[in-house]
Amino acid sequence: MWEDHLHNSFSLIDQVLGNKYQGKLLEIIDERTHGIDAAFLVKEHFMAYVEERYGLMRDNLKKELGMFLFLCIQMVEEEKLRMVKKTRLAVEACDQELKDKAREVAALEMDR
């Protein structure tokens, strides 16, 4: 759309300048327009390349972090299990000690 506007503008300038320059400005704008298209294509290809590389890095990072997070979660779960086991053993030891104390109290009461 903007190319049509530019072509129309330069056609008018060509008419004002006369036959000597007629068509030269259109050739220049065509070259520049193609240059802009080429620059645009280069930019598009570069952006696609960067997006592809960024995507690959993002995916690899997700995989590595995912494994790391999985291992961290697994370690936390294992530590929780160890703590629960230690707590259960401590509670059982306390229960056993209470039973022993209760027997001692019962034995002392019988001796009176």
C-alpha atoms as a PDB file:
ATOM      1  CA  MET A   1       0.000   0.000   0.000  1.00  0.00           C
ATOM      2  CA  TRP A   2       2.727   2.473   0.921  1.00  0.00           C
ATOM      3  CA  GLU A   3       4.645   1.348  -2.189  1.00  0.00           C
ATOM      4  CA  ASP A   4       1.733   2.448  -4.386  1.00  0.00           C
ATOM      5  CA  HIS A   5       1.714   5.801  -2.665  1.00  0.00           C
ATOM      6  CA  LEU A   6       5.470   6.156  -3.211  1.00  0.00           C
ATOM      7  CA  HIS A   7       5.176   5.138  -6.870  1.00  0.00           C
ATOM      8  CA  ASN A   8       2.424   7.706  -7.411  1.00  0.00           C
ATOM      9  CA  SER A   9       4.468  10.416  -5.696  1.00  0.00           C
ATOM     10  CA  PHE A  10       7.593   9.672  -7.727  1.00  0.00           C
ATOM     11  CA  SER A  11       5.570   9.432 -10.961  1.00  0.00           C
ATOM     12  CA  LEU A  12       4.353  12.962 -10.323  1.00  0.00           C
ATOM     13  CA  ILE A  13       7.948  14.122  -9.679  1.00  0.00           C
ATOM     14  CA  ASP A  14       9.032  12.405 -12.917  1.00  0.00           C
ATOM     15  CA  GLN A  15       6.367  14.323 -14.815  1.00  0.00           C
ATOM     16  CA  VAL A  16       7.504  17.617 -13.296  1.00  0.00           C
ATOM     17  CA  LEU A  17      11.195  16.965 -14.072  1.00  0.00           C
ATOM     18  CA  GLY A  18      10.495  16.006 -17.668  1.00  0.00           C
ATOM     19  CA  ASN A  19      11.609  13.299 -20.077  1.00  0.00           C
ATOM     20  CA  LYS A  20      15.302  13.409 -19.143  1.00  0.00           C
ATOM     21  CA  TYR A  21      14.685  11.960 -15.667  1.00  0.00           C
ATOM     22  CA  GLN A  22      11.493  10.101 -16.396  1.00  0.00           C
ATOM     23  CA  GLY A  23      11.603   6.570 -15.040  1.00  0.00           C
ATOM     24  CA  LYS A  24      14.885   7.074 -13.160  1.00  0.00           C
ATOM     25  CA  LEU A  25      13.185   7.900  -9.880  1.00  0.00           C
ATOM     26  CA  LEU A  26      10.883   4.915 -10.267  1.00  0.00           C
ATOM     27  CA  GLU A  27      13.923   2.708 -10.867  1.00  0.00           C
ATOM     28  CA  ILE A  28      15.579   4.122  -7.750  1.00  0.00           C
ATOM     29  CA  ILE A  29      12.478   3.629  -5.631  1.00  0.00           C
ATOM     30  CA  ASP A  30      12.074   0.105  -7.035  1.00  0.00           C
ATOM     31  CA  GLU A  31      15.664  -0.685  -6.061  1.00  0.00           C
ATOM     32  CA  ARG A  32      15.121   0.818  -2.635  1.00  0.00           C
ATOM     33  CA  THR A  33      11.811  -0.988  -2.272  1.00  0.00           C
ATOM     34  CA  HIS A  34      13.497  -4.266  -3.181  1.00  0.00           C
ATOM     35  CA  GLY A  35      16.247  -3.334  -0.748  1.00  0.00           C
ATOM     36  CA  ILE A  36      13.621  -2.773   1.907  1.00  0.00           C
ATOM     37  CA  ASP A  37      12.028  -6.101   1.018  1.00  0.00           C
ATOM     38  CA  ALA A  38      15.426  -7.775   1.170  1.00  0.00           C
ATOM     39  CA  ALA A  39      16.177  -6.115   4.502  1.00  0.00           C
ATOM     40  CA  PHE A  40      12.755  -7.153   5.726  1.00  0.00           C
ATOM     41  CA  LEU A  41      13.385 -10.745   4.614  1.00  0.00           C
ATOM     42  CA  VAL A  42      16.798 -10.746   6.286  1.00  0.00           C
ATOM     43  CA  LYS A  43      15.173  -9.417   9.448  1.00  0.00           C
ATOM     44  CA  GLU A  44      12.449 -12.062   9.255  1.00  0.00           C
ATOM     45  CA  HIS A  45      14.968 -14.860   8.715  1.00  0.00           C
ATOM     46  CA  PHE A  46      17.138 -13.557  11.541  1.00  0.00           C
ATOM     47  CA  MET A  47      14.140 -13.332  13.877  1.00  0.00           C
ATOM     48  CA  ALA A  48      13.092 -16.869  12.944  1.00  0.00           C
ATOM     49  CA  TYR A  49      16.641 -18.071  13.629  1.00  0.00           C
ATOM     50  CA  VAL A  50      16.730 -16.295  17.004  1.00  0.00           C
ATOM     51  CA  GLU A  51      13.275 -17.624  17.931  1.00  0.00           C
ATOM     52  CA  GLU A  52      14.335 -21.146  16.961  1.00  0.00           C
ATOM     53  CA  ARG A  53      17.542 -20.922  19.008  1.00  0.00           C
ATOM     54  CA  TYR A  54      15.670 -19.354  21.917  1.00  0.00           C
ATOM     55  CA  GLY A  55      13.088 -22.139  21.724  1.00  0.00           C
ATOM     56  CA  LEU A  56      15.785 -24.808  21.744  1.00  0.00           C
ATOM     57  CA  MET A  57      17.532 -23.186  24.703  1.00  0.00           C
ATOM     58  CA  ARG A  58      14.213 -22.793  26.529  1.00  0.00           C
ATOM     59  CA  ASP A  59      13.297 -26.437  25.918  1.00  0.00           C
ATOM     60  CA  ASN A  60      16.717 -27.686  27.025  1.00  0.00           C
ATOM     61  CA  LEU A  61      16.580 -25.486  30.099  1.00  0.00           C
ATOM     62  CA  LYS A  62      13.097 -26.778  30.919  1.00  0.00           C
ATOM     63  CA  LYS A  63      14.346 -30.368  30.639  1.00  0.00           C
ATOM     64  CA  GLU A  64      17.381 -29.730  32.813  1.00  0.00           C
ATOM     65  CA  LEU A  65      15.455 -27.733  35.393  1.00  0.00           C
ATOM     66  CA  GLY A  66      12.643 -30.263  35.302  1.00  0.00           C
ATOM     67  CA  MET A  67      15.053 -33.055  36.161  1.00  0.00           C
ATOM     68  CA  PHE A  68      16.682 -30.910  38.846  1.00  0.00           C
ATOM     69  CA  LEU A  69      13.303 -30.011  40.360  1.00  0.00           C
ATOM     70  CA  PHE A  70      12.226 -33.654  40.220  1.00  0.00           C
ATOM     71  CA  LEU A  71      15.378 -34.675  42.095  1.00  0.00           C
ATOM     72  CA  CYS A  72      14.845 -31.899  44.647  1.00  0.00           C
ATOM     73  CA  ILE A  73      11.246 -32.954  45.218  1.00  0.00           C
ATOM     74  CA  GLN A  74      12.327 -36.586  45.488  1.00  0.00           C
ATOM     75  CA  MET A  75      15.005 -35.659  48.046  1.00  0.00           C
ATOM     76  CA  VAL A  76      12.454 -33.684  50.078  1.00  0.00           C
ATOM     77  CA  GLU A  77      10.020 -36.608  50.008  1.00  0.00           C
ATOM     78  CA  GLU A  78      12.742 -39.019  51.108  1.00  0.00           C
ATOM     79  CA  GLU A  79      13.760 -36.669  53.916  1.00  0.00           C
ATOM     80  CA  LYS A  80      10.135 -36.407  55.024  1.00  0.00           C
ATOM     81  CA  LEU A  81       9.893 -40.199  55.117  1.00  0.00           C
ATOM     82  CA  ARG A  82      13.089 -40.392  57.196  1.00  0.00           C
ATOM     83  CA  MET A  83      11.727 -37.764  59.599  1.00  0.00           C
ATOM     84  CA  VAL A  84       8.400 -39.591  59.917  1.00  0.00           C
ATOM     85  CA  LYS A  85      10.247 -42.862  60.594  1.00  0.00           C
ATOM     86  CA  LYS A  86      12.477 -41.191  63.224  1.00  0.00           C
ATOM     87  CA  THR A  87       9.428 -39.573  64.817  1.00  0.00           C
ATOM     88  CA  ARG A  88       7.555 -42.877  64.878  1.00  0.00           C
ATOM     89  CA  LEU A  89      10.563 -44.592  66.475  1.00  0.00           C
ATOM     90  CA  ALA A  90      10.820 -41.776  69.041  1.00  0.00           C
ATOM     91  CA  VAL A  91       7.102 -42.066  69.873  1.00  0.00           C
ATOM     92  CA  GLU A  92       7.429 -45.858  70.209  1.00  0.00           C
ATOM     93  CA  ALA A  93      10.428 -45.368  72.509  1.00  0.00           C
ATOM     94  CA  CYS A  94       8.425 -42.894  74.607  1.00  0.00           C
ATOM     95  CA  ASP A  95       5.500 -45.343  74.792  1.00  0.00           C
ATOM     96  CA  GLN A  96       7.863 -48.105  75.879  1.00  0.00           C
ATOM     97  CA  GLU A  97       9.403 -45.836  78.497  1.00  0.00           C
ATOM     98  CA  LEU A  98       5.937 -44.923  79.811  1.00  0.00           C
ATOM     99  CA  LYS A  99       5.048 -48.628  80.067  1.00  0.00           C
ATOM    100  CA  ASP A 100       8.316 -49.300  81.918  1.00  0.00           C
ATOM    101  CA  LYS A 101       7.642 -46.405  84.320  1.00  0.00           C
ATOM    102  CA  ALA A 102       4.088 -47.623  84.849  1.00  0.00           C
ATOM    103  CA  ARG A 103       5.459 -51.081  85.762  1.00  0.00           C
ATOM    104  CA  GLU A 104       7.961 -49.499  88.140  1.00  0.00           C
ATOM    105  CA  VAL A 105       5.203 -47.480  89.785  1.00  0.00           C
ATOM    106  CA  ALA A 106       3.052 -50.607  90.058  1.00  0.00           C
ATOM    107  CA  ALA A 107       5.972 -52.528  91.606  1.00  0.00           C
ATOM    108  CA  LEU A 108       6.639 -49.714  94.090  1.00  0.00           C
ATOM    109  CA  GLU A 109       2.980 -49.592  95.094  1.00  0.00           C
ATOM    110  CA  MET A 110       2.989 -53.384  95.710  1.00  0.00           C
ATOM    111  CA  ASP A 111       6.034 -53.040  97.902  1.00  0.00           C
ATOM    112  CA  ARG A 112       4.304 -50.556 100.216  1.00  0.00           C
END
